[in-house]
mmCIF file of all heavy atoms, coordinates in Angstrom:
data_MODEL
# 
_entry.id   MODEL 
# 
loop_
_atom_site.group_PDB 
_atom_site.id 
_atom_site.type_symbol 
_atom_site.label_atom_id 
_atom_site.label_alt_id 
_atom_site.label_comp_id 
_atom_site.label_asym_id 
_atom_site.label_entity_id 
_atom_site.label_seq_id 
_atom_site.pdbx_PDB_ins_code 
_atom_site.Cartn_x 
_atom_site.Cartn_y 
_atom_site.Cartn_z 
_atom_site.occupancy 
_atom_site.B_iso_or_equiv 
_atom_site.pdbx_formal_charge 
_atom_site.auth_seq_id 
_atom_site.auth_comp_id 
_atom_site.auth_asym_id 
_atom_site.auth_atom_id 
_atom_site.pdbx_PDB_model_num 
ATOM 1   N N   . GLY A 1 1  ? 0.828  -1.180 0.043   1.00 0.00 ? 1  GLY A N   1 
ATOM 2   C CA  . GLY A 1 1  ? 0.055  -0.049 0.027   1.00 0.00 ? 1  GLY A CA  1 
ATOM 3   C C   . GLY A 1 1  ? 0.869  1.259  -0.001  1.00 0.00 ? 1  GLY A C   1 
ATOM 4   O O   . GLY A 1 1  ? 0.620  2.163  -0.699  1.00 0.00 ? 1  GLY A O   1 
ATOM 5   N N   . ALA A 1 2  ? 1.860  1.305  0.802   1.00 0.00 ? 2  ALA A N   1 
ATOM 6   C CA  . ALA A 1 2  ? 2.774  2.418  0.830   1.00 0.00 ? 2  ALA A CA  1 
ATOM 7   C C   . ALA A 1 2  ? 3.568  2.589  -0.419  1.00 0.00 ? 2  ALA A C   1 
ATOM 8   O O   . ALA A 1 2  ? 3.740  3.739  -0.947  1.00 0.00 ? 2  ALA A O   1 
ATOM 9   C CB  . ALA A 1 2  ? 3.786  2.314  2.014   1.00 0.00 ? 2  ALA A CB  1 
ATOM 10  N N   . LEU A 1 3  ? 3.976  1.520  -1.077  1.00 0.00 ? 3  LEU A N   1 
ATOM 11  C CA  . LEU A 1 3  ? 4.571  1.519  -2.260  1.00 0.00 ? 3  LEU A CA  1 
ATOM 12  C C   . LEU A 1 3  ? 3.844  2.130  -3.429  1.00 0.00 ? 3  LEU A C   1 
ATOM 13  O O   . LEU A 1 3  ? 4.279  3.024  -4.118  1.00 0.00 ? 3  LEU A O   1 
ATOM 14  C CB  . LEU A 1 3  ? 5.186  0.026  -2.673  1.00 0.00 ? 3  LEU A CB  1 
ATOM 15  C CG  . LEU A 1 3  ? 5.858  -0.018 -3.962  1.00 0.00 ? 3  LEU A CG  1 
ATOM 16  C CD1 . LEU A 1 3  ? 7.254  0.607  -3.910  1.00 0.00 ? 3  LEU A CD1 1 
ATOM 17  C CD2 . LEU A 1 3  ? 6.090  -1.497 -4.398  1.00 0.00 ? 3  LEU A CD2 1 
ATOM 18  N N   . ILE A 1 4  ? 2.518  1.695  -3.564  1.00 0.00 ? 4  ILE A N   1 
ATOM 19  C CA  . ILE A 1 4  ? 1.719  2.200  -4.504  1.00 0.00 ? 4  ILE A CA  1 
ATOM 20  C C   . ILE A 1 4  ? 1.386  3.755  -4.254  1.00 0.00 ? 4  ILE A C   1 
ATOM 21  O O   . ILE A 1 4  ? 1.382  4.567  -5.122  1.00 0.00 ? 4  ILE A O   1 
ATOM 22  C CB  . ILE A 1 4  ? 0.355  1.345  -4.659  1.00 0.00 ? 4  ILE A CB  1 
ATOM 23  C CG1 . ILE A 1 4  ? 0.733  0.004  -5.167  1.00 0.00 ? 4  ILE A CG1 1 
ATOM 24  C CG2 . ILE A 1 4  ? -0.661 2.056  -5.528  1.00 0.00 ? 4  ILE A CG2 1 
ATOM 25  C CD1 . ILE A 1 4  ? -0.325 -0.993 -5.154  1.00 0.00 ? 4  ILE A CD1 1 
ATOM 26  N N   . GLN A 1 5  ? 1.226  4.040  -2.945  1.00 0.00 ? 5  GLN A N   1 
ATOM 27  C CA  . GLN A 1 5  ? 0.917  5.376  -2.618  1.00 0.00 ? 5  GLN A CA  1 
ATOM 28  C C   . GLN A 1 5  ? 2.058  6.341  -2.981  1.00 0.00 ? 5  GLN A C   1 
ATOM 29  O O   . GLN A 1 5  ? 1.811  7.452  -3.508  1.00 0.00 ? 5  GLN A O   1 
ATOM 30  C CB  . GLN A 1 5  ? 0.533  5.479  -1.231  1.00 0.00 ? 5  GLN A CB  1 
ATOM 31  C CG  . GLN A 1 5  ? 0.262  6.755  -0.684  1.00 0.00 ? 5  GLN A CG  1 
ATOM 32  C CD  . GLN A 1 5  ? -0.080 6.785  0.779   1.00 0.00 ? 5  GLN A CD  1 
ATOM 33  O OE1 . GLN A 1 5  ? 0.077  5.779  1.462   1.00 0.00 ? 5  GLN A OE1 1 
ATOM 34  N NE2 . GLN A 1 5  ? -0.416 7.943  1.279   1.00 0.00 ? 5  GLN A NE2 1 
ATOM 35  N N   . GLU A 1 6  ? 3.333  5.920  -2.853  1.00 0.00 ? 6  GLU A N   1 
ATOM 36  C CA  . GLU A 1 6  ? 4.480  6.712  -2.976  1.00 0.00 ? 6  GLU A CA  1 
ATOM 37  C C   . GLU A 1 6  ? 4.946  6.727  -4.441  1.00 0.00 ? 6  GLU A C   1 
ATOM 38  O O   . GLU A 1 6  ? 5.588  7.776  -4.829  1.00 0.00 ? 6  GLU A O   1 
ATOM 39  C CB  . GLU A 1 6  ? 5.497  6.310  -2.083  1.00 0.00 ? 6  GLU A CB  1 
ATOM 40  C CG  . GLU A 1 6  ? 5.177  6.386  -0.549  1.00 0.00 ? 6  GLU A CG  1 
ATOM 41  C CD  . GLU A 1 6  ? 5.024  7.837  -0.138  1.00 0.00 ? 6  GLU A CD  1 
ATOM 42  O OE1 . GLU A 1 6  ? 5.758  8.688  -0.651  1.00 0.00 ? 6  GLU A OE1 1 
ATOM 43  O OE2 . GLU A 1 6  ? 4.193  8.069  0.739   1.00 0.00 ? 6  GLU A OE2 1 
ATOM 44  N N   . VAL A 1 7  ? 4.899  5.767  -5.222  1.00 0.00 ? 7  VAL A N   1 
ATOM 45  C CA  . VAL A 1 7  ? 5.595  5.696  -6.512  1.00 0.00 ? 7  VAL A CA  1 
ATOM 46  C C   . VAL A 1 7  ? 4.735  5.706  -7.733  1.00 0.00 ? 7  VAL A C   1 
ATOM 47  O O   . VAL A 1 7  ? 5.283  5.656  -8.863  1.00 0.00 ? 7  VAL A O   1 
ATOM 48  C CB  . VAL A 1 7  ? 6.592  4.562  -6.499  1.00 0.00 ? 7  VAL A CB  1 
ATOM 49  C CG1 . VAL A 1 7  ? 7.610  4.595  -5.388  1.00 0.00 ? 7  VAL A CG1 1 
ATOM 50  C CG2 . VAL A 1 7  ? 5.860  3.296  -6.515  1.00 0.00 ? 7  VAL A CG2 1 
ATOM 51  N N   . TRP A 1 8  ? 3.360  5.832  -7.626  1.00 0.00 ? 8  TRP A N   1 
ATOM 52  C CA  . TRP A 1 8  ? 2.585  5.773  -8.929  1.00 0.00 ? 8  TRP A CA  1 
ATOM 53  C C   . TRP A 1 8  ? 2.950  6.817  -9.902  1.00 0.00 ? 8  TRP A C   1 
ATOM 54  O O   . TRP A 1 8  ? 3.036  6.657  -10.993 1.00 0.00 ? 8  TRP A O   1 
ATOM 55  C CB  . TRP A 1 8  ? 1.112  5.653  -8.568  1.00 0.00 ? 8  TRP A CB  1 
ATOM 56  C CG  . TRP A 1 8  ? 0.590  6.969  -8.038  1.00 0.00 ? 8  TRP A CG  1 
ATOM 57  C CD1 . TRP A 1 8  ? 0.550  7.395  -6.693  1.00 0.00 ? 8  TRP A CD1 1 
ATOM 58  C CD2 . TRP A 1 8  ? -0.005 8.062  -8.920  1.00 0.00 ? 8  TRP A CD2 1 
ATOM 59  N NE1 . TRP A 1 8  ? -0.058 8.671  -6.701  1.00 0.00 ? 8  TRP A NE1 1 
ATOM 60  C CE2 . TRP A 1 8  ? -0.461 9.053  -7.993  1.00 0.00 ? 8  TRP A CE2 1 
ATOM 61  C CE3 . TRP A 1 8  ? -0.271 8.077  -10.212 1.00 0.00 ? 8  TRP A CE3 1 
ATOM 62  C CZ2 . TRP A 1 8  ? -1.005 10.225 -8.480  1.00 0.00 ? 8  TRP A CZ2 1 
ATOM 63  C CZ3 . TRP A 1 8  ? -0.897 9.261  -10.726 1.00 0.00 ? 8  TRP A CZ3 1 
ATOM 64  C CH2 . TRP A 1 8  ? -1.208 10.257 -9.856  1.00 0.00 ? 8  TRP A CH2 1 
ATOM 65  N N   . MET A 1 9  ? 3.171  7.991  -9.391  1.00 0.00 ? 9  MET A N   1 
ATOM 66  C CA  . MET A 1 9  ? 3.322  9.129  -10.310 1.00 0.00 ? 9  MET A CA  1 
ATOM 67  C C   . MET A 1 9  ? 4.785  8.953  -10.964 1.00 0.00 ? 9  MET A C   1 
ATOM 68  O O   . MET A 1 9  ? 5.045  9.358  -12.126 1.00 0.00 ? 9  MET A O   1 
ATOM 69  C CB  . MET A 1 9  ? 3.287  10.427 -9.583  1.00 0.00 ? 9  MET A CB  1 
ATOM 70  C CG  . MET A 1 9  ? 3.517  11.665 -10.522 1.00 0.00 ? 9  MET A CG  1 
ATOM 71  S SD  . MET A 1 9  ? 2.381  11.631 -11.881 1.00 0.00 ? 9  MET A SD  1 
ATOM 72  C CE  . MET A 1 9  ? 1.193  12.986 -11.273 1.00 0.00 ? 9  MET A CE  1 
ATOM 73  N N   . PHE A 1 10 ? 5.735  8.474  -10.227 1.00 0.00 ? 10 PHE A N   1 
ATOM 74  C CA  . PHE A 1 10 ? 7.055  8.245  -10.622 1.00 0.00 ? 10 PHE A CA  1 
ATOM 75  C C   . PHE A 1 10 ? 7.155  7.284  -11.892 1.00 0.00 ? 10 PHE A C   1 
ATOM 76  O O   . PHE A 1 10 ? 7.749  7.307  -12.878 1.00 0.00 ? 10 PHE A O   1 
ATOM 77  C CB  . PHE A 1 10 ? 8.013  7.749  -9.541  1.00 0.00 ? 10 PHE A CB  1 
ATOM 78  C CG  . PHE A 1 10 ? 9.381  7.493  -9.943  1.00 0.00 ? 10 PHE A CG  1 
ATOM 79  C CD1 . PHE A 1 10 ? 10.265 8.615  -10.333 1.00 0.00 ? 10 PHE A CD1 1 
ATOM 80  C CD2 . PHE A 1 10 ? 9.904  6.302  -10.094 1.00 0.00 ? 10 PHE A CD2 1 
ATOM 81  C CE1 . PHE A 1 10 ? 11.556 8.350  -10.801 1.00 0.00 ? 10 PHE A CE1 1 
ATOM 82  C CE2 . PHE A 1 10 ? 11.182 6.009  -10.442 1.00 0.00 ? 10 PHE A CE2 1 
ATOM 83  C CZ  . PHE A 1 10 ? 12.016 7.107  -10.748 1.00 0.00 ? 10 PHE A CZ  1 
ATOM 84  N N   . CYS A 1 11 ? 6.257  6.121  -11.673 1.00 0.00 ? 11 CYS A N   1 
ATOM 85  C CA  . CYS A 1 11 ? 6.102  5.114  -12.707 1.00 0.00 ? 11 CYS A CA  1 
ATOM 86  C C   . CYS A 1 11 ? 5.561  5.740  -13.983 1.00 0.00 ? 11 CYS A C   1 
ATOM 87  O O   . CYS A 1 11 ? 6.081  5.463  -15.041 1.00 0.00 ? 11 CYS A O   1 
ATOM 88  C CB  . CYS A 1 11 ? 5.350  3.972  -12.187 1.00 0.00 ? 11 CYS A CB  1 
ATOM 89  S SG  . CYS A 1 11 ? 6.043  2.971  -10.938 1.00 0.00 ? 11 CYS A SG  1 
ATOM 90  N N   . CYS A 1 12 ? 4.552  6.584  -13.818 1.00 0.00 ? 12 CYS A N   1 
ATOM 91  C CA  . CYS A 1 12 ? 3.911  7.167  -14.999 1.00 0.00 ? 12 CYS A CA  1 
ATOM 92  C C   . CYS A 1 12 ? 4.975  7.991  -15.703 1.00 0.00 ? 12 CYS A C   1 
ATOM 93  O O   . CYS A 1 12 ? 5.113  8.095  -16.928 1.00 0.00 ? 12 CYS A O   1 
ATOM 94  C CB  . CYS A 1 12 ? 2.817  8.014  -14.616 1.00 0.00 ? 12 CYS A CB  1 
ATOM 95  S SG  . CYS A 1 12 ? 1.383  7.106  -14.035 1.00 0.00 ? 12 CYS A SG  1 
ATOM 96  N N   . PHE A 1 13 ? 5.813  8.827  -14.920 1.00 0.00 ? 13 PHE A N   1 
ATOM 97  C CA  . PHE A 1 13 ? 6.849  9.777  -15.385 1.00 0.00 ? 13 PHE A CA  1 
ATOM 98  C C   . PHE A 1 13 ? 7.843  8.853  -16.163 1.00 0.00 ? 13 PHE A C   1 
ATOM 99  O O   . PHE A 1 13 ? 8.369  9.278  -17.292 1.00 0.00 ? 13 PHE A O   1 
ATOM 100 C CB  . PHE A 1 13 ? 7.377  10.610 -14.414 1.00 0.00 ? 13 PHE A CB  1 
ATOM 101 C CG  . PHE A 1 13 ? 8.519  11.471 -14.777 1.00 0.00 ? 13 PHE A CG  1 
ATOM 102 C CD1 . PHE A 1 13 ? 8.142  12.545 -15.614 1.00 0.00 ? 13 PHE A CD1 1 
ATOM 103 C CD2 . PHE A 1 13 ? 9.798  11.232 -14.547 1.00 0.00 ? 13 PHE A CD2 1 
ATOM 104 C CE1 . PHE A 1 13 ? 9.106  13.438 -16.114 1.00 0.00 ? 13 PHE A CE1 1 
ATOM 105 C CE2 . PHE A 1 13 ? 10.775 12.059 -14.943 1.00 0.00 ? 13 PHE A CE2 1 
ATOM 106 C CZ  . PHE A 1 13 ? 10.525 13.201 -15.733 1.00 0.00 ? 13 PHE A CZ  1 
ATOM 107 N N   . CYS A 1 14 ? 8.332  7.741  -15.633 1.00 0.00 ? 14 CYS A N   1 
ATOM 108 C CA  . CYS A 1 14 ? 9.299  6.832  -16.296 1.00 0.00 ? 14 CYS A CA  1 
ATOM 109 C C   . CYS A 1 14 ? 8.699  6.344  -17.632 1.00 0.00 ? 14 CYS A C   1 
ATOM 110 O O   . CYS A 1 14 ? 9.516  6.319  -18.618 1.00 0.00 ? 14 CYS A O   1 
ATOM 111 C CB  . CYS A 1 14 ? 9.620  5.745  -15.332 1.00 0.00 ? 14 CYS A CB  1 
ATOM 112 S SG  . CYS A 1 14 ? 10.654 6.259  -13.976 1.00 0.00 ? 14 CYS A SG  1 
ATOM 113 N N   . VAL A 1 15 ? 7.526  5.844  -17.653 1.00 0.00 ? 15 VAL A N   1 
ATOM 114 C CA  . VAL A 1 15 ? 7.053  5.320  -18.882 1.00 0.00 ? 15 VAL A CA  1 
ATOM 115 C C   . VAL A 1 15 ? 6.884  6.459  -19.969 1.00 0.00 ? 15 VAL A C   1 
ATOM 116 O O   . VAL A 1 15 ? 7.359  6.220  -21.078 1.00 0.00 ? 15 VAL A O   1 
ATOM 117 C CB  . VAL A 1 15 ? 5.596  4.698  -18.696 1.00 0.00 ? 15 VAL A CB  1 
ATOM 118 C CG1 . VAL A 1 15 ? 4.940  4.453  -20.040 1.00 0.00 ? 15 VAL A CG1 1 
ATOM 119 C CG2 . VAL A 1 15 ? 5.692  3.525  -17.772 1.00 0.00 ? 15 VAL A CG2 1 
ATOM 120 N N   . PHE A 1 16 ? 6.622  7.639  -19.538 1.00 0.00 ? 16 PHE A N   1 
ATOM 121 C CA  . PHE A 1 16 ? 6.526  8.720  -20.562 1.00 0.00 ? 16 PHE A CA  1 
ATOM 122 C C   . PHE A 1 16 ? 7.882  8.998  -21.094 1.00 0.00 ? 16 PHE A C   1 
ATOM 123 O O   . PHE A 1 16 ? 8.088  9.221  -22.232 1.00 0.00 ? 16 PHE A O   1 
ATOM 124 C CB  . PHE A 1 16 ? 5.947  9.982  -19.807 1.00 0.00 ? 16 PHE A CB  1 
ATOM 125 C CG  . PHE A 1 16 ? 5.969  11.267 -20.570 1.00 0.00 ? 16 PHE A CG  1 
ATOM 126 C CD1 . PHE A 1 16 ? 5.190  11.399 -21.744 1.00 0.00 ? 16 PHE A CD1 1 
ATOM 127 C CD2 . PHE A 1 16 ? 6.937  12.269 -20.356 1.00 0.00 ? 16 PHE A CD2 1 
ATOM 128 C CE1 . PHE A 1 16 ? 5.277  12.658 -22.541 1.00 0.00 ? 16 PHE A CE1 1 
ATOM 129 C CE2 . PHE A 1 16 ? 7.066  13.383 -21.108 1.00 0.00 ? 16 PHE A CE2 1 
ATOM 130 C CZ  . PHE A 1 16 ? 6.222  13.467 -22.249 1.00 0.00 ? 16 PHE A CZ  1 
ATOM 131 N N   . ILE A 1 17 ? 8.929  9.168  -20.174 1.00 0.00 ? 17 ILE A N   1 
ATOM 132 C CA  . ILE A 1 17 ? 10.266 9.431  -20.612 1.00 0.00 ? 17 ILE A CA  1 
ATOM 133 C C   . ILE A 1 17 ? 10.850 8.351  -21.462 1.00 0.00 ? 17 ILE A C   1 
ATOM 134 O O   . ILE A 1 17 ? 11.464 8.681  -22.586 1.00 0.00 ? 17 ILE A O   1 
ATOM 135 C CB  . ILE A 1 17 ? 11.226 9.694  -19.379 1.00 0.00 ? 17 ILE A CB  1 
ATOM 136 C CG1 . ILE A 1 17 ? 10.810 10.885 -18.636 1.00 0.00 ? 17 ILE A CG1 1 
ATOM 137 C CG2 . ILE A 1 17 ? 12.651 9.630  -19.725 1.00 0.00 ? 17 ILE A CG2 1 
ATOM 138 C CD1 . ILE A 1 17 ? 10.989 12.138 -19.335 1.00 0.00 ? 17 ILE A CD1 1 
ATOM 139 N N   . LEU A 1 18 ? 10.513 7.094  -21.234 1.00 0.00 ? 18 LEU A N   1 
ATOM 140 C CA  . LEU A 1 18 ? 11.024 5.993  -22.085 1.00 0.00 ? 18 LEU A CA  1 
ATOM 141 C C   . LEU A 1 18 ? 10.383 6.018  -23.449 1.00 0.00 ? 18 LEU A C   1 
ATOM 142 O O   . LEU A 1 18 ? 11.024 5.904  -24.410 1.00 0.00 ? 18 LEU A O   1 
ATOM 143 C CB  . LEU A 1 18 ? 10.788 4.619  -21.438 1.00 0.00 ? 18 LEU A CB  1 
ATOM 144 C CG  . LEU A 1 18 ? 11.694 4.303  -20.210 1.00 0.00 ? 18 LEU A CG  1 
ATOM 145 C CD1 . LEU A 1 18 ? 11.110 2.984  -19.589 1.00 0.00 ? 18 LEU A CD1 1 
ATOM 146 C CD2 . LEU A 1 18 ? 13.079 4.097  -20.690 1.00 0.00 ? 18 LEU A CD2 1 
ATOM 147 N N   . VAL A 1 19 ? 9.072  6.329  -23.525 1.00 0.00 ? 19 VAL A N   1 
ATOM 148 C CA  . VAL A 1 19 ? 8.448  6.418  -24.851 1.00 0.00 ? 19 VAL A CA  1 
ATOM 149 C C   . VAL A 1 19 ? 8.902  7.754  -25.515 1.00 0.00 ? 19 VAL A C   1 
ATOM 150 O O   . VAL A 1 19 ? 9.173  7.619  -26.759 1.00 0.00 ? 19 VAL A O   1 
ATOM 151 C CB  . VAL A 1 19 ? 6.873  6.459  -24.569 1.00 0.00 ? 19 VAL A CB  1 
ATOM 152 C CG1 . VAL A 1 19 ? 6.207  6.807  -25.906 1.00 0.00 ? 19 VAL A CG1 1 
ATOM 153 C CG2 . VAL A 1 19 ? 6.427  5.109  -24.024 1.00 0.00 ? 19 VAL A CG2 1 
ATOM 154 N N   . TYR A 1 20 ? 9.033  8.825  -24.835 1.00 0.00 ? 20 TYR A N   1 
ATOM 155 C CA  . TYR A 1 20 ? 9.427  10.073 -25.450 1.00 0.00 ? 20 TYR A CA  1 
ATOM 156 C C   . TYR A 1 20 ? 10.799 9.983  -26.103 1.00 0.00 ? 20 TYR A C   1 
ATOM 157 O O   . TYR A 1 20 ? 11.080 10.489 -27.133 1.00 0.00 ? 20 TYR A O   1 
ATOM 158 C CB  . TYR A 1 20 ? 9.254  11.121 -24.448 1.00 0.00 ? 20 TYR A CB  1 
ATOM 159 C CG  . TYR A 1 20 ? 9.540  12.581 -25.151 1.00 0.00 ? 20 TYR A CG  1 
ATOM 160 C CD1 . TYR A 1 20 ? 8.687  13.249 -25.939 1.00 0.00 ? 20 TYR A CD1 1 
ATOM 161 C CD2 . TYR A 1 20 ? 10.849 13.177 -24.691 1.00 0.00 ? 20 TYR A CD2 1 
ATOM 162 C CE1 . TYR A 1 20 ? 9.011  14.488 -26.416 1.00 0.00 ? 20 TYR A CE1 1 
ATOM 163 C CE2 . TYR A 1 20 ? 11.050 14.407 -25.274 1.00 0.00 ? 20 TYR A CE2 1 
ATOM 164 C CZ  . TYR A 1 20 ? 10.211 15.132 -26.116 1.00 0.00 ? 20 TYR A CZ  1 
ATOM 165 O OH  . TYR A 1 20 ? 10.500 16.315 -26.633 1.00 0.00 ? 20 TYR A OH  1 
ATOM 166 N N   . THR A 1 21 ? 11.765 9.467  -25.403 1.00 0.00 ? 21 THR A N   1 
ATOM 167 C CA  . THR A 1 21 ? 13.157 9.451  -25.870 1.00 0.00 ? 21 THR A CA  1 
ATOM 168 C C   . THR A 1 21 ? 13.368 8.231  -26.712 1.00 0.00 ? 21 THR A C   1 
ATOM 169 O O   . THR A 1 21 ? 14.591 8.061  -27.248 1.00 0.00 ? 21 THR A O   1 
ATOM 170 C CB  . THR A 1 21 ? 14.125 9.339  -24.547 1.00 0.00 ? 21 THR A CB  1 
ATOM 171 O OG1 . THR A 1 21 ? 13.786 8.223  -23.816 1.00 0.00 ? 21 THR A OG1 1 
ATOM 172 C CG2 . THR A 1 21 ? 13.897 10.652 -23.765 1.00 0.00 ? 21 THR A CG2 1 
ATOM 173 N N   . LYS A 1 22 ? 12.471 7.375  -26.840 1.00 0.00 ? 22 LYS A N   1 
ATOM 174 C CA  . LYS A 1 22 ? 12.491 6.178  -27.803 1.00 0.00 ? 22 LYS A CA  1 
ATOM 175 C C   . LYS A 1 22 ? 13.789 5.245  -27.288 1.00 0.00 ? 22 LYS A C   1 
ATOM 176 O O   . LYS A 1 22 ? 14.340 4.724  -28.032 1.00 0.00 ? 22 LYS A O   1 
ATOM 177 C CB  . LYS A 1 22 ? 12.750 6.583  -29.192 1.00 0.00 ? 22 LYS A CB  1 
ATOM 178 C CG  . LYS A 1 22 ? 11.525 7.343  -29.736 1.00 0.00 ? 22 LYS A CG  1 
ATOM 179 C CD  . LYS A 1 22 ? 11.731 7.789  -31.148 1.00 0.00 ? 22 LYS A CD  1 
ATOM 180 C CE  . LYS A 1 22 ? 10.668 8.568  -31.586 1.00 0.00 ? 22 LYS A CE  1 
ATOM 181 N NZ  . LYS A 1 22 ? 10.857 9.517  -32.615 1.00 0.00 ? 22 LYS A NZ  1 
ATOM 182 N N   . ALA A 1 23 ? 13.823 5.312  -25.889 1.00 0.00 ? 23 ALA A N   1 
ATOM 183 C CA  . ALA A 1 23 ? 14.888 4.485  -25.233 1.00 0.00 ? 23 ALA A CA  1 
ATOM 184 C C   . ALA A 1 23 ? 14.569 3.039  -25.172 1.00 0.00 ? 23 ALA A C   1 
ATOM 185 O O   . ALA A 1 23 ? 15.382 2.188  -24.906 1.00 0.00 ? 23 ALA A O   1 
ATOM 186 C CB  . ALA A 1 23 ? 15.240 5.025  -23.942 1.00 0.00 ? 23 ALA A CB  1 
ATOM 187 N N   . ILE A 1 24 ? 13.266 2.680  -25.434 1.00 0.00 ? 24 ILE A N   1 
ATOM 188 C CA  . ILE A 1 24 ? 12.808 1.313  -25.357 1.00 0.00 ? 24 ILE A CA  1 
ATOM 189 C C   . ILE A 1 24 ? 12.396 0.826  -26.743 1.00 0.00 ? 24 ILE A C   1 
ATOM 190 O O   . ILE A 1 24 ? 11.898 1.618  -27.478 1.00 0.00 ? 24 ILE A O   1 
ATOM 191 C CB  . ILE A 1 24 ? 11.652 1.169  -24.449 1.00 0.00 ? 24 ILE A CB  1 
ATOM 192 C CG1 . ILE A 1 24 ? 11.500 -0.362 -24.144 1.00 0.00 ? 24 ILE A CG1 1 
ATOM 193 C CG2 . ILE A 1 24 ? 10.466 1.881  -24.850 1.00 0.00 ? 24 ILE A CG2 1 
ATOM 194 C CD1 . ILE A 1 24 ? 10.816 -0.561 -22.753 1.00 0.00 ? 24 ILE A CD1 1 
ATOM 195 N N   . GLN A 1 25 ? 12.849 -0.388 -26.998 1.00 0.00 ? 25 GLN A N   1 
ATOM 196 C CA  . GLN A 1 25 ? 12.591 -0.974 -28.335 1.00 0.00 ? 25 GLN A CA  1 
ATOM 197 C C   . GLN A 1 25 ? 11.296 -1.793 -28.135 1.00 0.00 ? 25 GLN A C   1 
ATOM 198 O O   . GLN A 1 25 ? 11.045 -2.320 -27.131 1.00 0.00 ? 25 GLN A O   1 
ATOM 199 C CB  . GLN A 1 25 ? 13.805 -1.869 -28.794 1.00 0.00 ? 25 GLN A CB  1 
ATOM 200 C CG  . GLN A 1 25 ? 15.008 -0.962 -29.023 1.00 0.00 ? 25 GLN A CG  1 
ATOM 201 C CD  . GLN A 1 25 ? 16.274 -1.604 -28.801 1.00 0.00 ? 25 GLN A CD  1 
ATOM 202 O OE1 . GLN A 1 25 ? 16.317 -2.718 -28.402 1.00 0.00 ? 25 GLN A OE1 1 
ATOM 203 N NE2 . GLN A 1 25 ? 17.303 -0.875 -29.012 1.00 0.00 ? 25 GLN A NE2 1 
# 
């Protein structure tokens, strides 16, 4: 519960950055 509460926005940001920079194949 604490993990989801604390890191959900960070996960969204990481996915956005990976897609935006085309760092993931």
